[in-house]
N, C-alpha and C. Protein backbone atom coordinates (compact mmCIF):
# COMPACT_ATOMS: atom_id res chain seq x y z
N UNK A 1 113.70 117.55 108.56
CA UNK A 1 112.88 116.29 108.37
C UNK A 1 113.68 115.43 106.61
N UNK A 2 114.61 114.73 106.77
CA UNK A 2 115.14 113.94 105.78
C UNK A 2 114.50 112.10 106.24
N UNK A 3 113.58 111.93 104.65
CA UNK A 3 113.11 110.47 104.80
C UNK A 3 113.54 109.92 103.22
N UNK A 4 114.04 109.12 103.68
CA UNK A 4 114.68 107.98 102.22
C UNK A 4 114.54 106.78 102.22
N UNK A 5 113.15 106.57 102.62
CA UNK A 5 112.20 105.45 102.24
C UNK A 5 110.76 105.32 101.78
N UNK A 6 110.71 105.57 101.43
CA UNK A 6 108.84 105.96 101.32
C UNK A 6 108.17 105.19 100.04
N UNK A 7 106.67 105.34 99.80
CA UNK A 7 106.01 104.38 98.86
C UNK A 7 105.10 105.54 98.06
N UNK A 8 105.23 105.03 96.90
CA UNK A 8 104.07 105.68 96.07
C UNK A 8 103.72 104.95 95.53
N UNK A 9 101.48 105.28 94.69
CA UNK A 9 100.75 103.94 94.76
C UNK A 9 101.49 103.44 92.83
N UNK A 10 102.99 103.66 92.33
CA UNK A 10 103.99 102.83 91.62
C UNK A 10 104.44 101.83 92.48
N UNK A 11 104.10 101.33 93.40
CA UNK A 11 104.05 99.48 94.44
C UNK A 11 102.75 99.84 95.04
N UNK A 12 103.09 99.68 96.99
CA UNK A 12 101.76 99.77 97.53
C UNK A 12 101.55 100.51 98.18
N UNK A 13 102.03 102.61 97.96
CA UNK A 13 101.58 103.67 98.57
C UNK A 13 100.34 103.81 97.52
N UNK A 14 99.51 104.88 98.71
CA UNK A 14 98.25 105.09 97.96
C UNK A 14 98.62 106.95 97.19
N UNK A 15 99.86 107.50 97.19
CA UNK A 15 99.25 108.32 96.88
C UNK A 15 100.43 108.31 94.76
N UNK A 16 100.41 109.19 94.30
CA UNK A 16 101.46 110.17 92.99
C UNK A 16 102.15 110.40 94.07
N UNK A 17 103.77 110.09 93.28
CA UNK A 17 104.61 111.00 93.69
C UNK A 17 104.30 112.41 93.97
N UNK A 18 103.50 113.18 92.89
CA UNK A 18 103.44 114.33 93.41
C UNK A 18 102.96 114.88 94.99
N UNK A 19 101.82 114.21 95.32
CA UNK A 19 101.43 114.28 96.16
C UNK A 19 102.12 114.08 97.67
N UNK A 20 102.93 112.69 97.37
CA UNK A 20 103.50 112.39 98.25
C UNK A 20 103.92 113.16 98.42
N UNK A 21 104.96 113.78 97.49
CA UNK A 21 106.18 114.87 97.85
C UNK A 21 105.48 116.34 98.14
N UNK A 22 104.28 116.89 98.02
CA UNK A 22 103.57 118.32 98.42
C UNK A 22 103.40 117.84 99.89
N UNK A 23 103.09 116.35 100.34
CA UNK A 23 102.51 116.28 101.95
C UNK A 23 103.56 116.69 102.99
N UNK A 24 105.18 115.85 101.95
CA UNK A 24 106.35 115.73 103.04
C UNK A 24 106.72 117.17 103.27
N UNK A 25 106.10 118.06 101.53
CA UNK A 25 106.63 119.39 101.84
C UNK A 25 106.09 120.32 103.44
N UNK A 26 105.10 119.63 104.22
CA UNK A 26 103.63 120.29 104.50
C UNK A 26 103.78 119.59 105.94
N UNK A 27 104.76 118.74 105.95
CA UNK A 27 105.29 118.25 107.28
C UNK A 27 106.80 118.67 107.77
N UNK A 28 107.05 119.44 106.67
CA UNK A 28 108.83 120.28 107.00
C UNK A 28 109.78 119.75 106.16
N UNK A 29 109.20 118.36 105.37
CA UNK A 29 110.75 117.99 104.66
C UNK A 29 111.75 118.97 104.05
N UNK A 30 113.01 118.30 104.29
CA UNK A 30 113.80 119.16 103.39
C UNK A 30 114.41 118.20 102.28
N UNK A 31 113.70 116.78 102.28
CA UNK A 31 114.36 115.55 101.19
C UNK A 31 113.37 114.45 101.78
N UNK A 32 112.80 114.11 100.20
CA UNK A 32 112.21 112.73 100.25
C UNK A 32 113.30 111.49 99.00
N UNK A 33 113.09 110.63 99.66
CA UNK A 33 113.30 109.23 98.28
C UNK A 33 112.36 108.68 98.03
N UNK A 34 111.50 108.21 96.82
CA UNK A 34 110.36 107.49 96.66
C UNK A 34 111.00 105.92 96.16
N UNK A 35 111.45 105.32 96.92
CA UNK A 35 111.52 104.03 96.79
C UNK A 35 110.64 102.55 96.88
N UNK A 36 110.35 102.63 95.80
CA UNK A 36 108.53 101.70 95.97
C UNK A 36 109.41 100.30 95.59
N UNK A 37 108.51 99.35 95.95
CA UNK A 37 108.66 97.92 95.97
C UNK A 37 109.15 97.80 94.22
N UNK A 38 109.99 96.79 93.93
CA UNK A 38 110.62 96.20 93.58
C UNK A 38 111.29 95.04 93.33
N UNK A 39 111.25 94.22 92.40
CA UNK A 39 112.00 93.24 92.16
C UNK A 39 112.25 93.08 90.05
N UNK A 40 112.81 91.75 89.93
CA UNK A 40 113.63 91.80 88.60
C UNK A 40 112.24 92.10 87.63
N UNK A 41 110.95 92.26 87.69
CA UNK A 41 110.13 92.34 86.34
C UNK A 41 109.01 93.64 86.13
N UNK A 42 109.75 94.37 87.70
CA UNK A 42 109.80 95.30 87.71
C UNK A 42 110.01 97.21 88.08
N UNK A 43 111.39 97.05 87.68
CA UNK A 43 112.26 97.43 87.94
C UNK A 43 112.63 98.66 86.85
N UNK A 44 112.70 98.38 85.59
CA UNK A 44 112.03 98.76 84.50
C UNK A 44 111.49 100.25 84.64
N UNK A 45 110.44 99.21 85.34
CA UNK A 45 109.07 100.58 84.76
C UNK A 45 108.68 101.66 85.89
N UNK A 46 109.02 101.31 86.93
CA UNK A 46 109.00 102.26 88.45
C UNK A 46 110.43 103.32 88.04
N UNK A 47 111.50 103.07 88.14
CA UNK A 47 112.48 103.96 88.23
C UNK A 47 112.27 104.84 87.34
N UNK A 48 112.87 104.52 85.99
CA UNK A 48 112.49 105.99 85.27
C UNK A 48 111.22 106.85 85.67
N UNK A 49 109.94 106.49 85.54
CA UNK A 49 108.75 106.79 86.35
C UNK A 49 109.32 108.20 87.09
N UNK A 50 109.86 107.20 87.90
CA UNK A 50 110.05 108.13 89.40
C UNK A 50 111.00 109.23 88.88
N UNK A 51 111.43 109.33 88.49
CA UNK A 51 112.71 109.71 88.39
C UNK A 51 112.93 111.25 87.38
N UNK A 52 111.31 110.88 86.23
CA UNK A 52 110.85 111.98 85.64
C UNK A 52 110.17 113.10 86.61
N UNK A 53 109.24 112.16 87.87
CA UNK A 53 108.39 113.51 88.47
C UNK A 53 109.68 113.77 89.23
N UNK A 54 110.42 113.08 90.04
CA UNK A 54 111.23 113.98 90.70
C UNK A 54 112.06 115.30 90.10
N UNK A 55 112.35 114.75 89.31
CA UNK A 55 113.44 115.28 88.37
C UNK A 55 111.95 117.01 88.25
N UNK A 56 111.47 116.99 87.81
CA UNK A 56 109.85 117.83 87.73
C UNK A 56 109.49 118.52 88.42
N UNK A 57 109.53 117.89 89.88
CA UNK A 57 108.82 118.79 90.90
C UNK A 57 110.17 119.33 91.12
N UNK A 58 111.70 118.63 91.75
CA UNK A 58 112.58 119.63 92.09
C UNK A 58 112.84 121.05 91.33
N UNK A 59 112.05 121.41 89.82
CA UNK A 59 111.95 122.23 89.29
C UNK A 59 111.49 123.27 89.85
N UNK A 60 110.10 123.17 90.58
CA UNK A 60 108.95 123.71 91.06
C UNK A 60 109.13 123.85 92.49
N UNK A 61 109.40 123.00 93.23
CA UNK A 61 109.04 122.88 94.30
C UNK A 61 110.26 123.12 94.96
N UNK A 62 110.60 123.73 97.07
CA UNK A 62 112.07 123.82 97.29
C UNK A 62 112.08 122.72 98.23
N UNK A 63 112.44 121.47 97.32
CA UNK A 63 112.77 119.97 98.64
C UNK A 63 113.94 118.86 96.94
N UNK A 64 114.12 118.48 98.30
CA UNK A 64 115.37 116.99 97.24
C UNK A 64 114.74 116.00 96.63
N UNK A 65 114.19 115.49 96.18
CA UNK A 65 113.04 114.67 95.88
C UNK A 65 114.28 114.10 94.40
N UNK A 66 113.78 112.58 95.40
CA UNK A 66 115.08 111.68 94.40
C UNK A 66 114.56 110.01 94.77
N UNK A 67 114.65 109.44 93.37
CA UNK A 67 114.02 108.36 92.47
C UNK A 67 115.05 107.13 93.52
N UNK A 68 114.56 106.28 93.85
CA UNK A 68 114.99 105.17 94.55
C UNK A 68 114.07 104.19 94.71
N UNK A 69 114.09 102.65 95.26
CA UNK A 69 114.03 101.79 95.05
C UNK A 69 113.99 100.57 96.07
N UNK A 70 113.20 100.10 96.57
CA UNK A 70 113.52 99.25 97.15
C UNK A 70 113.49 97.22 96.79
N UNK A 71 114.19 97.07 96.81
CA UNK A 71 114.59 95.46 96.70
C UNK A 71 113.91 94.48 97.80
N UNK A 72 112.47 94.25 96.81
CA UNK A 72 111.57 93.59 97.67
C UNK A 72 111.84 92.08 98.41
N UNK A 73 112.07 90.88 98.94
CA UNK A 73 111.77 89.48 99.46
C UNK A 73 111.94 89.44 97.46
N UNK A 74 113.21 89.71 97.25
CA UNK A 74 114.42 89.03 96.39
C UNK A 74 115.09 88.10 96.75
N UNK A 75 114.95 86.93 95.72
CA UNK A 75 116.31 86.21 96.35
C UNK A 75 117.66 86.86 96.47
N UNK A 76 118.27 86.19 97.67
CA UNK A 76 119.20 86.92 97.95
C UNK A 76 120.68 86.64 97.01
N UNK A 77 120.73 85.90 96.57
CA UNK A 77 121.82 85.80 95.64
C UNK A 77 121.43 86.40 94.26
N UNK A 78 120.37 87.31 94.11
CA UNK A 78 120.35 88.87 92.96
C UNK A 78 120.69 90.05 93.51
N UNK A 79 120.96 90.22 94.72
CA UNK A 79 120.93 91.42 94.97
C UNK A 79 122.54 91.79 94.41
N UNK A 80 123.54 91.74 94.22
CA UNK A 80 124.01 92.27 93.81
C UNK A 80 123.52 92.82 92.03
N UNK A 81 123.29 92.11 91.28
CA UNK A 81 122.29 92.14 90.14
C UNK A 81 121.76 92.80 89.64
N UNK A 82 120.81 93.15 91.28
CA UNK A 82 119.27 94.17 90.76
C UNK A 82 119.99 95.70 91.10
N UNK A 83 120.59 95.71 92.21
CA UNK A 83 121.47 96.84 92.52
C UNK A 83 122.30 97.42 91.82
N UNK A 84 123.02 96.83 90.87
CA UNK A 84 123.34 97.14 89.54
C UNK A 84 122.70 97.96 88.74
N UNK A 85 121.58 96.90 88.61
CA UNK A 85 120.83 96.71 87.06
C UNK A 85 120.02 98.21 87.57
N UNK A 86 119.45 98.84 89.03
CA UNK A 86 118.96 99.43 89.93
C UNK A 86 119.68 101.01 89.10
N UNK A 87 120.33 100.83 89.98
CA UNK A 87 121.57 102.09 89.41
C UNK A 87 121.54 102.51 88.26
N UNK A 88 121.68 101.70 87.30
CA UNK A 88 122.20 102.18 85.83
C UNK A 88 120.57 102.58 85.23
N UNK A 89 119.92 102.04 86.14
CA UNK A 89 118.31 102.95 85.68
C UNK A 89 117.67 104.13 85.80
N UNK A 90 119.14 104.80 86.77
CA UNK A 90 118.31 105.87 87.58
C UNK A 90 118.40 106.26 89.25
N UNK A 91 118.07 104.84 89.67
CA UNK A 91 118.02 104.81 91.01
C UNK A 91 119.00 105.40 91.74
N UNK A 92 118.96 106.57 92.98
CA UNK A 92 120.19 107.02 93.40
C UNK A 92 119.62 106.56 94.62
N UNK A 93 119.27 105.85 95.71
CA UNK A 93 118.71 105.73 96.67
C UNK A 93 118.64 103.94 96.72
N UNK A 94 119.50 103.42 96.88
CA UNK A 94 118.93 101.44 96.75
C UNK A 94 118.32 101.25 98.19
N UNK A 95 117.02 100.74 98.48
CA UNK A 95 116.73 100.31 100.00
C UNK A 95 116.87 99.03 99.55
N UNK A 96 117.48 97.88 100.70
CA UNK A 96 117.15 96.80 100.73
C UNK A 96 116.02 96.52 101.73
N UNK A 97 115.11 95.65 101.36
CA UNK A 97 114.00 95.45 102.43
C UNK A 97 114.29 94.45 103.47
N UNK A 98 114.81 94.50 104.08
CA UNK A 98 115.59 93.34 105.13
C UNK A 98 114.86 92.88 105.90
N UNK A 99 115.30 91.74 107.16
CA UNK A 99 114.73 90.52 107.71
C UNK A 99 114.00 91.04 108.72
N UNK A 100 112.79 91.61 108.45
CA UNK A 100 112.04 92.04 109.64
C UNK A 100 111.12 91.27 110.11
N UNK A 101 110.53 91.43 111.44
CA UNK A 101 109.74 90.65 112.12
C UNK A 101 108.71 90.01 111.61
N UNK A 102 108.18 91.06 110.65
CA UNK A 102 106.79 90.67 110.68
C UNK A 102 106.52 90.22 109.34
N UNK A 103 108.11 89.73 108.67
CA UNK A 103 106.89 89.18 107.10
C UNK A 103 108.03 88.40 106.94
N UNK A 104 107.89 86.94 105.82
CA UNK A 104 108.72 86.02 106.01
C UNK A 104 109.59 86.35 104.79
N UNK A 105 110.60 86.96 105.28
CA UNK A 105 111.96 87.84 104.51
C UNK A 105 112.81 86.49 103.97
N UNK A 106 113.40 86.13 102.96
CA UNK A 106 114.31 85.04 102.98
C UNK A 106 115.42 85.03 103.48
N UNK A 107 115.90 84.17 104.11
CA UNK A 107 117.09 84.18 105.71
C UNK A 107 118.26 84.85 104.20
N UNK A 108 119.07 85.36 105.31
CA UNK A 108 120.45 85.35 104.14
C UNK A 108 119.75 87.16 103.55
N UNK A 109 119.12 87.06 103.37
CA UNK A 109 118.66 88.58 102.49
C UNK A 109 119.89 89.63 103.26
N UNK A 110 120.16 90.03 104.40
CA UNK A 110 120.49 90.90 105.58
C UNK A 110 121.83 91.09 104.92
N UNK A 111 122.56 90.16 104.74
CA UNK A 111 123.69 89.42 104.50
C UNK A 111 124.19 90.19 102.91
N UNK A 112 123.34 89.50 102.09
CA UNK A 112 123.34 90.15 100.65
C UNK A 112 123.25 91.00 99.83
N UNK A 113 122.57 92.08 100.81
CA UNK A 113 122.21 93.28 100.71
C UNK A 113 123.36 93.96 101.43
N UNK A 114 123.87 93.50 102.47
CA UNK A 114 125.35 94.35 102.53
C UNK A 114 126.41 94.49 101.67
N UNK A 115 126.51 93.08 101.90
CA UNK A 115 127.83 92.66 100.35
C UNK A 115 127.35 93.63 99.28
N UNK A 116 126.34 93.52 98.83
CA UNK A 116 126.01 94.50 97.06
C UNK A 116 126.00 95.82 97.75
N UNK A 117 126.39 96.35 98.86
CA UNK A 117 126.60 98.04 98.99
C UNK A 117 125.57 98.84 98.29
N UNK A 118 123.74 97.90 99.11
CA UNK A 118 123.10 99.06 99.36
C UNK A 118 123.20 100.12 99.49
N UNK A 119 122.26 100.89 100.04
CA UNK A 119 122.85 102.37 100.82
C UNK A 119 121.75 102.43 102.25
N UNK A 120 120.92 101.52 101.91
CA UNK A 120 120.23 101.61 103.69
C UNK A 120 119.49 100.02 103.25
N UNK A 121 120.34 99.10 104.93
CA UNK A 121 119.19 98.02 104.67
C UNK A 121 117.99 98.68 105.88
N UNK A 122 116.83 98.37 105.72
CA UNK A 122 115.63 98.85 106.16
C UNK A 122 115.25 97.90 106.72
N UNK A 123 114.48 97.93 108.07
CA UNK A 123 114.12 97.16 108.84
C UNK A 123 114.65 95.37 108.93
N UNK A 124 115.62 95.90 110.14
CA UNK A 124 116.91 94.02 109.18
C UNK A 124 116.63 93.36 110.51
N UNK A 125 115.43 93.78 111.31
CA UNK A 125 114.75 92.24 112.32
C UNK A 125 115.76 92.38 113.34
N UNK A 126 116.88 91.01 113.71
CA UNK A 126 117.37 91.05 114.43
C UNK A 126 118.86 90.59 113.77
N UNK A 127 118.98 91.80 113.35
CA UNK A 127 120.61 91.57 112.87
C UNK A 127 121.48 91.32 113.52
N UNK A 128 122.21 90.71 112.92
CA UNK A 128 123.28 90.33 113.86
C UNK A 128 124.84 91.35 114.21
N UNK A 129 126.00 90.56 115.26
CA UNK A 129 126.63 91.66 115.19
C UNK A 129 128.34 91.27 113.40
N UNK A 130 127.57 90.14 113.10
CA UNK A 130 128.82 89.99 111.38
C UNK A 130 128.26 91.34 110.99
N UNK A 131 126.75 90.59 110.70
CA UNK A 131 126.62 91.73 109.49
C UNK A 131 126.19 93.19 109.83
N UNK A 132 126.45 93.53 111.25
CA UNK A 132 126.27 95.36 111.67
C UNK A 132 128.37 95.93 111.46
N UNK A 133 128.96 94.94 111.70
CA UNK A 133 130.40 94.43 111.15
C UNK A 133 130.55 95.10 109.34
N UNK A 134 129.68 94.02 108.99
CA UNK A 134 129.73 93.95 108.06
C UNK A 134 129.32 95.71 107.00
N UNK A 135 128.29 95.40 107.47
CA UNK A 135 127.51 96.98 107.56
C UNK A 135 128.44 98.16 107.34
N UNK A 136 129.09 98.34 108.51
CA UNK A 136 130.11 99.37 109.14
C UNK A 136 131.47 99.42 108.07
N UNK A 137 131.41 97.98 107.75
CA UNK A 137 132.69 97.77 106.61
C UNK A 137 132.73 98.81 104.80
N UNK A 138 130.92 98.28 104.94
CA UNK A 138 130.71 98.53 103.28
C UNK A 138 129.81 99.67 103.01
N UNK A 139 130.02 100.73 103.90
CA UNK A 139 129.25 101.89 104.06
C UNK A 139 127.63 101.83 103.97
N UNK A 140 127.29 100.88 104.72
CA UNK A 140 125.77 100.23 104.62
C UNK A 140 125.25 100.95 105.86
N UNK A 141 124.21 102.40 105.13
CA UNK A 141 123.24 102.54 106.05
C UNK A 141 122.25 101.34 107.27
N UNK A 142 122.27 101.47 108.07
CA UNK A 142 120.91 100.46 109.26
C UNK A 142 119.84 101.42 109.80
N UNK A 143 118.59 100.61 109.25
CA UNK A 143 117.12 101.86 109.27
C UNK A 143 116.64 101.56 110.84
N UNK A 144 116.27 102.29 111.55
CA UNK A 144 115.45 102.63 112.16
C UNK A 144 114.29 103.35 112.04
N UNK A 145 113.48 101.84 112.42
CA UNK A 145 112.04 102.40 111.30
C UNK A 145 111.08 103.27 112.17
N UNK A 146 110.20 103.96 111.40
CA UNK A 146 108.79 104.68 112.14
C UNK A 146 107.48 103.90 112.10
N UNK A 147 107.62 102.87 111.13
CA UNK A 147 106.60 101.92 110.65
C UNK A 147 106.19 101.03 111.71
N UNK A 148 104.69 100.79 112.04
CA UNK A 148 104.37 100.21 112.32
C UNK A 148 104.96 98.43 112.72
N UNK A 149 104.71 97.84 112.71
CA UNK A 149 105.59 96.52 113.11
C UNK A 149 107.18 96.06 112.67
N UNK A 150 107.01 97.24 111.68
CA UNK A 150 109.06 97.11 111.61
C UNK A 150 109.82 98.01 112.40
N UNK A 151 108.90 98.11 113.36
CA UNK A 151 109.63 99.16 114.40
C UNK A 151 110.37 98.22 115.43
N UNK A 152 109.37 97.00 115.72
CA UNK A 152 109.34 96.47 116.99
C UNK A 152 111.19 96.17 117.27
N UNK A 153 111.82 95.78 116.18
CA UNK A 153 113.52 95.44 116.37
C UNK A 153 114.19 96.71 116.36
N UNK A 154 113.60 98.66 116.51
CA UNK A 154 114.35 99.25 116.75
C UNK A 154 115.45 99.00 117.88
N UNK A 155 115.14 98.89 118.72
CA UNK A 155 116.62 98.49 119.58
C UNK A 155 117.23 98.04 120.02
N UNK A 156 116.81 96.75 119.01
CA UNK A 156 118.18 95.58 118.71
C UNK A 156 119.49 96.03 117.46
N UNK A 157 118.32 96.74 116.60
CA UNK A 157 119.52 97.58 115.44
C UNK A 157 120.07 98.70 116.11
N UNK A 158 119.07 99.39 116.63
CA UNK A 158 119.93 100.59 117.08
C UNK A 158 121.42 100.01 118.29
N UNK A 159 120.89 99.19 119.36
CA UNK A 159 122.38 98.89 119.96
C UNK A 159 123.31 97.87 119.11
N UNK A 160 123.11 97.25 118.10
CA UNK A 160 124.47 96.24 117.18
C UNK A 160 124.41 97.33 116.45
N UNK A 161 123.73 98.46 115.78
CA UNK A 161 124.82 99.46 115.10
C UNK A 161 125.97 100.08 115.81
N UNK A 162 125.00 100.44 116.90
CA UNK A 162 126.27 101.31 117.28
C UNK A 162 127.34 100.65 118.27
N UNK A 163 127.18 99.39 118.63
CA UNK A 163 128.22 98.56 118.56
C UNK A 163 129.16 98.16 117.81
N UNK A 164 128.87 98.01 116.57
CA UNK A 164 129.51 97.86 115.04
C UNK A 164 130.16 99.08 114.55
N UNK A 165 129.47 100.31 115.12
CA UNK A 165 129.75 101.66 114.41
C UNK A 165 129.99 101.50 112.91
N UNK A 166 128.24 101.19 112.91
CA UNK A 166 127.27 101.24 111.18
C UNK A 166 126.89 102.43 112.06
N UNK A 167 126.90 103.55 110.04
CA UNK A 167 125.58 104.07 110.19
C UNK A 167 123.99 104.12 110.52
N UNK A 168 123.88 104.74 111.53
CA UNK A 168 122.18 104.47 111.37
C UNK A 168 121.25 105.79 110.70
N UNK A 169 120.26 105.34 110.16
CA UNK A 169 119.01 106.60 109.33
C UNK A 169 117.74 106.08 110.44
N UNK A 170 117.14 107.08 109.94
CA UNK A 170 115.75 106.99 110.33
C UNK A 170 114.40 107.30 109.24
N UNK A 171 113.79 106.23 109.43
CA UNK A 171 112.77 106.85 107.71
C UNK A 171 111.30 106.12 108.14
N UNK A 172 110.49 106.69 107.32
CA UNK A 172 109.18 106.32 107.78
C UNK A 172 108.92 105.31 107.10
N UNK A 173 108.76 104.89 106.03
CA UNK A 173 108.50 103.53 105.20
C UNK A 173 107.00 103.95 105.03
N UNK A 174 106.62 104.87 104.43
CA UNK A 174 105.19 106.00 104.21
C UNK A 174 105.10 105.13 103.33
N UNK A 175 103.76 104.76 103.51
CA UNK A 175 102.85 104.14 102.07
C UNK A 175 101.39 105.30 102.16
N UNK A 176 100.95 105.85 102.96
CA UNK A 176 99.79 106.81 103.18
C UNK A 176 100.20 108.18 103.54
N UNK A 177 99.21 109.10 104.04
CA UNK A 177 99.32 110.24 104.21
C UNK A 177 100.06 110.72 105.55
N UNK A 178 99.26 109.60 106.49
CA UNK A 178 99.08 109.50 107.90
C UNK A 178 100.81 109.11 108.09
N UNK A 179 101.57 108.33 107.54
CA UNK A 179 102.33 107.52 107.70
C UNK A 179 104.02 108.73 107.38
N UNK A 180 103.51 109.98 107.16
CA UNK A 180 104.63 110.63 107.21
C UNK A 180 104.81 111.06 108.63
N UNK A 181 105.96 111.86 109.03
CA UNK A 181 105.82 112.36 110.31
C UNK A 181 106.97 113.67 110.27
N UNK A 182 106.78 114.49 111.16
CA UNK A 182 107.84 115.49 111.68
C UNK A 182 109.30 115.29 111.88
N UNK A 183 110.22 116.56 112.05
CA UNK A 183 111.40 115.61 112.66
C UNK A 183 111.30 115.70 114.03
N UNK A 184 109.95 116.49 114.68
CA UNK A 184 110.51 116.26 116.46
C UNK A 184 109.83 115.03 116.30
N UNK A 185 108.75 114.10 115.70
CA UNK A 185 108.27 113.14 115.98
C UNK A 185 109.98 112.27 115.57
N UNK A 186 110.55 111.97 114.65
CA UNK A 186 111.66 111.03 114.05
C UNK A 186 112.41 110.72 115.48
N UNK A 187 112.47 112.42 116.22
CA UNK A 187 113.61 112.68 117.31
C UNK A 187 113.38 111.32 118.71
N UNK A 188 111.95 111.75 118.62
CA UNK A 188 111.56 111.07 119.66
C UNK A 188 111.29 109.37 119.08
N UNK A 189 111.02 109.03 117.92
CA UNK A 189 111.31 107.41 117.25
C UNK A 189 112.85 107.25 118.24
N UNK A 190 114.07 107.92 117.68
CA UNK A 190 115.24 107.87 117.60
C UNK A 190 115.69 107.29 119.41
N UNK A 191 115.20 108.17 119.79
CA UNK A 191 115.54 108.25 121.32
C UNK A 191 115.01 106.68 121.84
N UNK A 192 112.99 106.76 121.36
CA UNK A 192 112.44 105.17 121.97
C UNK A 192 113.41 103.85 121.42
N UNK A 193 114.58 104.34 120.72
CA UNK A 193 115.16 102.87 120.32
C UNK A 193 116.47 103.12 120.66
N UNK A 194 116.38 104.08 121.62
CA UNK A 194 117.62 104.01 122.94
C UNK A 194 118.43 104.73 122.45
N UNK A 195 118.75 105.76 121.69
CA UNK A 195 119.78 106.73 120.95
C UNK A 195 119.76 108.02 122.30
N UNK A 196 120.88 108.03 122.66
CA UNK A 196 121.08 109.75 122.91
C UNK A 196 120.58 110.47 122.14
N UNK A 197 120.93 111.82 123.11
CA UNK A 197 120.62 113.28 121.69
C UNK A 197 121.96 113.41 120.81
N UNK A 198 122.93 112.73 121.59
CA UNK A 198 123.94 113.28 120.44
C UNK A 198 123.96 112.14 119.11
N UNK A 199 123.47 110.65 119.35
CA UNK A 199 123.29 109.47 118.87
C UNK A 199 122.35 109.97 117.79
N UNK A 200 121.18 110.49 118.22
CA UNK A 200 120.19 110.80 117.16
C UNK A 200 120.65 112.07 115.98
N UNK A 201 121.41 112.65 116.48
CA UNK A 201 121.59 114.17 115.99
C UNK A 201 122.60 113.33 114.63
N UNK A 202 123.34 112.38 114.97
CA UNK A 202 124.43 111.40 114.16
C UNK A 202 123.53 111.27 112.97
N UNK A 203 122.18 110.23 113.76
CA UNK A 203 121.33 109.69 112.34
C UNK A 203 121.04 110.97 111.19
N UNK A 204 120.46 112.12 112.12
CA UNK A 204 120.07 112.74 110.82
C UNK A 204 120.94 113.07 110.21
N UNK A 205 121.99 113.26 110.81
CA UNK A 205 123.55 113.62 110.01
C UNK A 205 123.95 112.59 108.22
N UNK A 206 123.38 111.74 109.34
CA UNK A 206 123.79 110.50 108.19
C UNK A 206 122.97 110.54 106.90
N UNK A 207 121.51 110.95 107.55
CA UNK A 207 120.37 111.07 106.61
C UNK A 207 120.69 111.74 105.70
N UNK A 208 121.38 113.47 106.28
CA UNK A 208 121.54 114.63 105.46
C UNK A 208 122.96 114.33 104.53
N UNK A 209 123.93 113.56 104.74
CA UNK A 209 124.56 113.05 103.64
C UNK A 209 124.60 112.22 102.87
N UNK A 210 123.83 111.62 102.97
CA UNK A 210 123.52 110.59 102.17
C UNK A 210 122.53 111.14 100.63
N UNK A 211 121.27 111.93 101.62
CA UNK A 211 120.57 112.55 100.93
C UNK A 211 121.45 114.07 99.43
N UNK A 212 122.85 114.34 99.91
CA UNK A 212 123.42 115.39 99.15
C UNK A 212 123.98 114.65 98.28
N UNK A 213 124.60 113.59 98.62
CA UNK A 213 125.39 112.59 97.64
C UNK A 213 124.45 112.45 96.74
N UNK A 214 123.43 111.81 96.77
CA UNK A 214 122.35 111.34 95.81
C UNK A 214 121.63 112.33 95.47
N UNK A 215 121.65 113.36 95.78
CA UNK A 215 120.91 114.79 94.82
C UNK A 215 122.34 115.20 93.59
N UNK A 216 124.11 114.92 94.17
CA UNK A 216 125.15 115.12 93.17
C UNK A 216 124.82 114.35 92.09
N UNK A 217 124.53 113.04 92.69
CA UNK A 217 124.20 111.86 92.16
C UNK A 217 123.56 112.49 90.95
N UNK A 218 122.34 112.83 91.17
CA UNK A 218 121.07 113.16 90.32
C UNK A 218 120.99 114.12 89.39
N UNK A 219 121.60 114.84 89.92
CA UNK A 219 121.67 116.10 88.91
C UNK A 219 122.34 116.30 87.61
């Protein structure tokens, strides 16, 4: 299992990074990114602390632990600037909080995040064909979510992404221990979204390739 969208108590999660990573190990995780919610006010607070924790944990435990960030409910026109700033601060996985059906995310967020070339557009809701086409061209991964209300649009996201040739990934958006899942359950979520076995395996491979690239950047 590779999960590139999780939260610690540095935002609205309930676990310190070490417990989050330890619990992920017991679920059979190979890699995890800690991507706490952020905007312009707290990027410089969260990223260095999570990076320090991840670096220490990887010395001691057999898992890839990656510092990231989820740019959340920000004005769409600030995505390029904040993505660049987050990378400069040491985030190796940039997640954008997409236009989920269950939150009042500013319209235009999906497109702005894709144009800023974030790594993952999370739970993008009623993603348009044009947005999916742009994601394919810009190398932005589109997320199938295992989290509660965010998963409501999974079928639409999967169909739209596949038609556009955009890369899919499966993430939990975990906030608490019960949100972490096994690889078998992740496969079931992908199949429930309408993916074939082959397409589901491709999504897992996309996560692996992204995590390996991020680990090299973090080394």
